[in-house]
N, C-alpha and C. Protein backbone atom coordinates (compact mmCIF):
# COMPACT_ATOMS: atom_id res chain seq x y z
N MET A 1 25.39 65.43 -7.14
CA MET A 1 24.18 64.64 -7.05
C MET A 1 24.18 63.51 -8.08
N ARG A 2 24.58 63.86 -9.30
CA ARG A 2 24.60 62.86 -10.37
C ARG A 2 25.60 61.74 -10.06
N ILE A 3 26.75 62.09 -9.50
CA ILE A 3 27.76 61.09 -9.14
C ILE A 3 27.22 60.16 -8.06
N MET A 4 26.49 60.72 -7.13
CA MET A 4 25.91 59.91 -6.07
C MET A 4 24.89 58.91 -6.63
N LEU A 5 24.07 59.31 -7.58
CA LEU A 5 23.09 58.41 -8.20
C LEU A 5 23.80 57.29 -8.97
N VAL A 6 24.87 57.63 -9.67
CA VAL A 6 25.64 56.61 -10.39
C VAL A 6 26.26 55.63 -9.41
N ALA A 7 26.81 56.12 -8.31
CA ALA A 7 27.41 55.26 -7.30
C ALA A 7 26.38 54.32 -6.69
N ILE A 8 25.20 54.82 -6.39
CA ILE A 8 24.12 53.99 -5.83
C ILE A 8 23.69 52.93 -6.85
N GLY A 9 23.59 53.33 -8.12
CA GLY A 9 23.22 52.37 -9.17
C GLY A 9 24.25 51.27 -9.32
N LEU A 10 25.54 51.62 -9.27
CA LEU A 10 26.59 50.61 -9.36
C LEU A 10 26.59 49.68 -8.16
N ALA A 11 26.33 50.22 -6.98
CA ALA A 11 26.26 49.40 -5.78
C ALA A 11 25.09 48.42 -5.87
N LEU A 12 23.97 48.88 -6.39
CA LEU A 12 22.80 48.02 -6.55
C LEU A 12 23.09 46.90 -7.55
N LEU A 13 23.71 47.21 -8.66
CA LEU A 13 24.07 46.20 -9.65
C LEU A 13 25.04 45.17 -9.08
N ALA A 14 26.01 45.63 -8.32
CA ALA A 14 26.98 44.72 -7.70
C ALA A 14 26.30 43.77 -6.72
N SER A 15 25.36 44.28 -5.94
CA SER A 15 24.67 43.42 -4.97
C SER A 15 23.77 42.41 -5.67
N LEU A 16 23.13 42.79 -6.76
CA LEU A 16 22.31 41.85 -7.51
C LEU A 16 23.17 40.75 -8.13
N GLN A 17 24.34 41.10 -8.63
CA GLN A 17 25.25 40.11 -9.20
C GLN A 17 25.69 39.10 -8.14
N ALA A 18 25.97 39.56 -6.96
CA ALA A 18 26.41 38.68 -5.88
C ALA A 18 25.30 37.71 -5.49
N CYS A 19 24.07 38.12 -5.56
CA CYS A 19 22.93 37.27 -5.20
C CYS A 19 22.64 36.20 -6.24
N SER A 20 23.08 36.41 -7.47
CA SER A 20 22.72 35.49 -8.54
C SER A 20 23.66 34.29 -8.65
N GLU A 21 24.74 34.25 -7.87
CA GLU A 21 25.68 33.14 -7.95
C GLU A 21 25.07 31.88 -7.34
N ASP A 22 25.40 30.74 -7.95
CA ASP A 22 24.93 29.46 -7.43
C ASP A 22 25.67 29.12 -6.14
N ALA A 23 24.93 28.61 -5.17
CA ALA A 23 25.52 28.21 -3.90
C ALA A 23 25.78 26.71 -3.91
N ASP A 24 26.87 26.31 -3.27
CA ASP A 24 27.18 24.89 -3.14
C ASP A 24 26.08 24.18 -2.35
N PRO A 25 25.90 22.88 -2.60
CA PRO A 25 24.92 22.13 -1.80
C PRO A 25 25.32 22.14 -0.32
N GLN A 26 24.32 22.02 0.53
CA GLN A 26 24.56 21.98 1.97
C GLN A 26 23.99 20.70 2.56
N PHE A 27 24.69 20.19 3.59
CA PHE A 27 24.32 18.93 4.22
C PHE A 27 24.23 19.10 5.72
N ARG A 28 23.34 18.33 6.32
CA ARG A 28 23.30 18.21 7.76
C ARG A 28 22.96 16.76 8.09
N ILE A 29 23.14 16.37 9.33
CA ILE A 29 22.91 14.99 9.76
C ILE A 29 21.80 14.99 10.81
N ARG A 30 20.92 14.00 10.70
CA ARG A 30 19.93 13.74 11.75
C ARG A 30 20.11 12.30 12.20
N ASN A 31 20.33 12.10 13.49
CA ASN A 31 20.55 10.76 14.03
C ASN A 31 19.29 10.28 14.73
N ASP A 32 18.63 9.28 14.15
CA ASP A 32 17.43 8.70 14.75
C ASP A 32 17.73 7.46 15.59
N ARG A 33 19.00 7.07 15.67
CA ARG A 33 19.38 5.90 16.46
C ARG A 33 19.61 6.28 17.92
N PRO A 34 19.53 5.31 18.83
CA PRO A 34 19.71 5.62 20.26
C PRO A 34 21.18 5.82 20.66
N THR A 35 22.13 5.59 19.75
CA THR A 35 23.54 5.75 20.06
C THR A 35 24.19 6.76 19.12
N LYS A 36 25.38 7.25 19.50
CA LYS A 36 26.09 8.25 18.71
C LYS A 36 26.50 7.71 17.34
N ALA A 37 26.62 8.63 16.39
CA ALA A 37 27.07 8.28 15.05
C ALA A 37 28.11 9.29 14.58
N ASN A 38 29.10 8.79 13.84
CA ASN A 38 30.08 9.62 13.14
C ASN A 38 29.79 9.44 11.65
N VAL A 39 29.62 10.54 10.94
CA VAL A 39 29.27 10.45 9.52
C VAL A 39 30.37 11.13 8.70
N GLN A 40 30.82 10.42 7.67
CA GLN A 40 31.83 10.92 6.75
C GLN A 40 31.17 11.15 5.40
N ILE A 41 31.34 12.35 4.85
CA ILE A 41 30.78 12.69 3.55
C ILE A 41 31.93 12.90 2.58
N LYS A 42 31.98 12.08 1.52
CA LYS A 42 33.01 12.21 0.49
C LYS A 42 32.37 12.76 -0.78
N THR A 43 33.05 13.74 -1.39
CA THR A 43 32.55 14.34 -2.63
C THR A 43 33.36 13.84 -3.81
N THR A 44 32.81 14.02 -5.02
CA THR A 44 33.53 13.59 -6.22
C THR A 44 34.82 14.37 -6.40
N GLY A 45 34.91 15.55 -5.82
CA GLY A 45 36.13 16.36 -5.91
C GLY A 45 37.24 15.86 -5.00
N GLY A 46 36.97 14.83 -4.20
CA GLY A 46 37.98 14.26 -3.33
C GLY A 46 38.00 14.84 -1.93
N ASN A 47 37.12 15.77 -1.63
CA ASN A 47 37.07 16.34 -0.28
C ASN A 47 36.26 15.45 0.64
N THR A 48 36.58 15.50 1.92
CA THR A 48 35.88 14.72 2.93
C THR A 48 35.46 15.64 4.07
N ILE A 49 34.22 15.49 4.50
CA ILE A 49 33.70 16.23 5.65
C ILE A 49 33.34 15.19 6.71
N ASN A 50 33.88 15.35 7.90
CA ASN A 50 33.56 14.46 9.02
C ASN A 50 32.68 15.19 10.02
N ILE A 51 31.57 14.58 10.36
CA ILE A 51 30.66 15.13 11.37
C ILE A 51 30.57 14.07 12.46
N ASN A 52 31.20 14.34 13.59
CA ASN A 52 31.38 13.32 14.63
C ASN A 52 30.51 13.54 15.85
N ASP A 53 30.27 12.43 16.56
CA ASP A 53 29.56 12.42 17.84
C ASP A 53 28.17 13.02 17.75
N VAL A 54 27.41 12.62 16.73
CA VAL A 54 26.05 13.10 16.58
C VAL A 54 25.16 12.25 17.50
N GLU A 55 24.62 12.88 18.51
CA GLU A 55 23.78 12.19 19.50
C GLU A 55 22.39 11.89 18.94
N GLN A 56 21.68 10.99 19.62
CA GLN A 56 20.31 10.65 19.24
C GLN A 56 19.44 11.90 19.21
N GLY A 57 18.64 12.03 18.15
CA GLY A 57 17.70 13.13 18.02
C GLY A 57 18.29 14.46 17.61
N VAL A 58 19.60 14.51 17.41
CA VAL A 58 20.27 15.77 17.08
C VAL A 58 20.19 16.03 15.58
N LEU A 59 20.00 17.28 15.23
CA LEU A 59 20.05 17.76 13.85
C LEU A 59 21.21 18.75 13.79
N THR A 60 22.29 18.38 13.08
CA THR A 60 23.49 19.21 13.04
C THR A 60 23.27 20.45 12.18
N PRO A 61 24.13 21.46 12.33
CA PRO A 61 24.08 22.62 11.43
C PRO A 61 24.50 22.20 10.01
N TYR A 62 24.09 22.99 9.02
CA TYR A 62 24.46 22.72 7.63
C TYR A 62 25.95 22.98 7.42
N GLN A 63 26.53 22.18 6.51
CA GLN A 63 27.90 22.37 6.03
C GLN A 63 27.87 22.29 4.51
N SER A 64 28.70 23.07 3.86
CA SER A 64 28.74 23.11 2.40
C SER A 64 29.74 22.10 1.85
N ALA A 65 29.44 21.62 0.64
CA ALA A 65 30.34 20.72 -0.08
C ALA A 65 30.18 21.01 -1.57
N ALA A 66 31.09 20.50 -2.35
CA ALA A 66 31.03 20.70 -3.80
C ALA A 66 29.87 19.90 -4.39
N PRO A 67 29.25 20.40 -5.45
CA PRO A 67 28.19 19.63 -6.11
C PRO A 67 28.78 18.40 -6.80
N GLY A 68 27.92 17.41 -7.02
CA GLY A 68 28.34 16.17 -7.70
C GLY A 68 27.97 14.96 -6.89
N GLY A 69 28.67 13.86 -7.15
CA GLY A 69 28.40 12.62 -6.44
C GLY A 69 28.82 12.71 -4.98
N ILE A 70 27.99 12.17 -4.11
CA ILE A 70 28.23 12.19 -2.67
C ILE A 70 28.14 10.76 -2.16
N GLU A 71 29.09 10.40 -1.30
CA GLU A 71 29.01 9.11 -0.60
C GLU A 71 29.10 9.39 0.89
N ALA A 72 28.06 9.00 1.62
CA ALA A 72 28.02 9.18 3.07
C ALA A 72 28.18 7.81 3.72
N THR A 73 29.01 7.75 4.75
CA THR A 73 29.23 6.53 5.52
C THR A 73 29.09 6.87 6.99
N ALA A 74 28.35 6.03 7.72
CA ALA A 74 28.16 6.25 9.16
C ALA A 74 28.85 5.15 9.95
N VAL A 75 29.59 5.55 10.96
CA VAL A 75 30.13 4.61 11.94
C VAL A 75 29.32 4.85 13.20
N ILE A 76 28.58 3.82 13.61
CA ILE A 76 27.60 3.96 14.69
C ILE A 76 28.11 3.23 15.93
N GLN A 77 28.01 3.90 17.06
CA GLN A 77 28.45 3.33 18.33
C GLN A 77 27.76 1.99 18.57
N ASP A 78 28.53 0.99 18.98
CA ASP A 78 28.05 -0.36 19.33
C ASP A 78 27.48 -1.12 18.14
N GLU A 79 27.82 -0.75 16.91
CA GLU A 79 27.36 -1.46 15.71
C GLU A 79 28.57 -1.90 14.89
N SER A 80 28.48 -3.10 14.33
CA SER A 80 29.57 -3.59 13.47
C SER A 80 29.33 -3.21 12.01
N VAL A 81 28.12 -2.79 11.68
CA VAL A 81 27.77 -2.41 10.32
C VAL A 81 27.93 -0.90 10.17
N SER A 82 28.58 -0.49 9.07
CA SER A 82 28.71 0.92 8.74
C SER A 82 27.96 1.20 7.45
N PRO A 83 26.71 1.64 7.56
CA PRO A 83 25.91 1.85 6.34
C PRO A 83 26.45 2.99 5.48
N THR A 84 26.25 2.86 4.18
CA THR A 84 26.66 3.90 3.23
C THR A 84 25.46 4.31 2.38
N LEU A 85 25.59 5.49 1.80
CA LEU A 85 24.54 6.03 0.95
C LEU A 85 25.20 6.88 -0.13
N GLY A 86 24.81 6.68 -1.37
CA GLY A 86 25.32 7.49 -2.46
C GLY A 86 24.18 8.23 -3.16
N PHE A 87 24.43 9.48 -3.54
CA PHE A 87 23.44 10.26 -4.27
C PHE A 87 24.12 11.45 -4.92
N ALA A 88 23.42 12.11 -5.83
CA ALA A 88 23.94 13.30 -6.51
C ALA A 88 23.45 14.54 -5.79
N ALA A 89 24.36 15.49 -5.56
CA ALA A 89 24.03 16.75 -4.89
C ALA A 89 24.15 17.89 -5.90
N PHE A 90 23.19 18.79 -5.88
CA PHE A 90 23.11 19.87 -6.85
C PHE A 90 23.24 21.23 -6.18
N THR A 91 23.71 22.22 -6.95
CA THR A 91 23.84 23.58 -6.42
C THR A 91 22.49 24.10 -5.95
N ASP A 92 22.53 24.96 -4.97
CA ASP A 92 21.35 25.60 -4.40
C ASP A 92 20.39 24.62 -3.73
N GLU A 93 20.86 23.44 -3.35
CA GLU A 93 20.01 22.45 -2.68
C GLU A 93 20.53 22.18 -1.28
N THR A 94 19.63 21.78 -0.38
CA THR A 94 20.00 21.35 0.96
C THR A 94 19.57 19.91 1.15
N TYR A 95 20.35 19.16 1.93
CA TYR A 95 20.09 17.74 2.15
C TYR A 95 20.23 17.42 3.63
N THR A 96 19.35 16.54 4.10
CA THR A 96 19.47 15.99 5.44
C THR A 96 19.76 14.51 5.31
N ILE A 97 20.93 14.09 5.78
CA ILE A 97 21.30 12.67 5.78
C ILE A 97 20.82 12.11 7.11
N ILE A 98 20.02 11.05 7.03
CA ILE A 98 19.36 10.50 8.21
C ILE A 98 19.97 9.15 8.56
N VAL A 99 20.43 9.01 9.81
CA VAL A 99 20.88 7.73 10.33
C VAL A 99 19.61 7.05 10.86
N VAL A 100 19.13 6.07 10.11
CA VAL A 100 17.83 5.45 10.37
C VAL A 100 17.94 4.42 11.49
N ASN A 101 16.98 4.44 12.40
CA ASN A 101 16.92 3.47 13.50
C ASN A 101 16.26 2.20 12.98
N SER A 102 17.09 1.36 12.35
CA SER A 102 16.60 0.10 11.78
C SER A 102 17.62 -0.99 12.06
N THR A 103 17.24 -2.25 11.80
CA THR A 103 18.14 -3.38 11.96
C THR A 103 18.25 -4.09 10.63
N PRO A 104 19.42 -4.11 9.99
CA PRO A 104 20.64 -3.38 10.36
C PRO A 104 20.45 -1.89 10.12
N PRO A 105 21.36 -1.06 10.70
CA PRO A 105 21.23 0.38 10.50
C PRO A 105 21.41 0.77 9.03
N THR A 106 20.69 1.80 8.62
CA THR A 106 20.78 2.28 7.23
C THR A 106 20.86 3.80 7.25
N LEU A 107 21.16 4.36 6.08
CA LEU A 107 21.15 5.80 5.87
C LEU A 107 20.12 6.13 4.80
N SER A 108 19.48 7.27 4.93
CA SER A 108 18.60 7.78 3.88
C SER A 108 18.83 9.28 3.83
N PHE A 109 18.20 9.94 2.86
CA PHE A 109 18.35 11.40 2.82
C PHE A 109 17.04 12.04 2.40
N ALA A 110 16.90 13.27 2.78
CA ALA A 110 15.73 14.07 2.43
C ALA A 110 16.23 15.40 1.88
N SER A 111 15.54 15.90 0.89
CA SER A 111 15.86 17.21 0.33
C SER A 111 14.60 18.04 0.37
N PRO A 112 14.54 18.99 1.34
CA PRO A 112 13.29 19.74 1.52
C PRO A 112 12.88 20.56 0.33
C-alpha cells in the first residue's frame, strides 16, 4: 500500500512538472482578402514556416515556432506587392497574422 502511494505521488509530481514548461509561441493566418495568400514566417533562429494557399475568410490551424523576432511576408494572388510584418513573439502566447484587405495590401497581427 505504501509503495502504491509513493508511486502515485511521484506520478503526480511528474505531471505537474510537465505542465509547468513554457510553450513555444503559436501562429495562425487569417486572410481577409478576396484572393489566396501564401505566408512565410521567419524566426530569429533561422527557421521558416510556409503556410500556402490560404483562401479568403480562412483561419488556419496554429503552428509553433521559436520565440523571438518574427518576420512574416505574404505573397498574394494577383498582387505585385508582398507586404511584410515584424514583431516579437513570446513563449506561451498565440498570434493571428492577418492579411488585411486594403490597398496596397498589408499585414497586421492580433494576440488574444
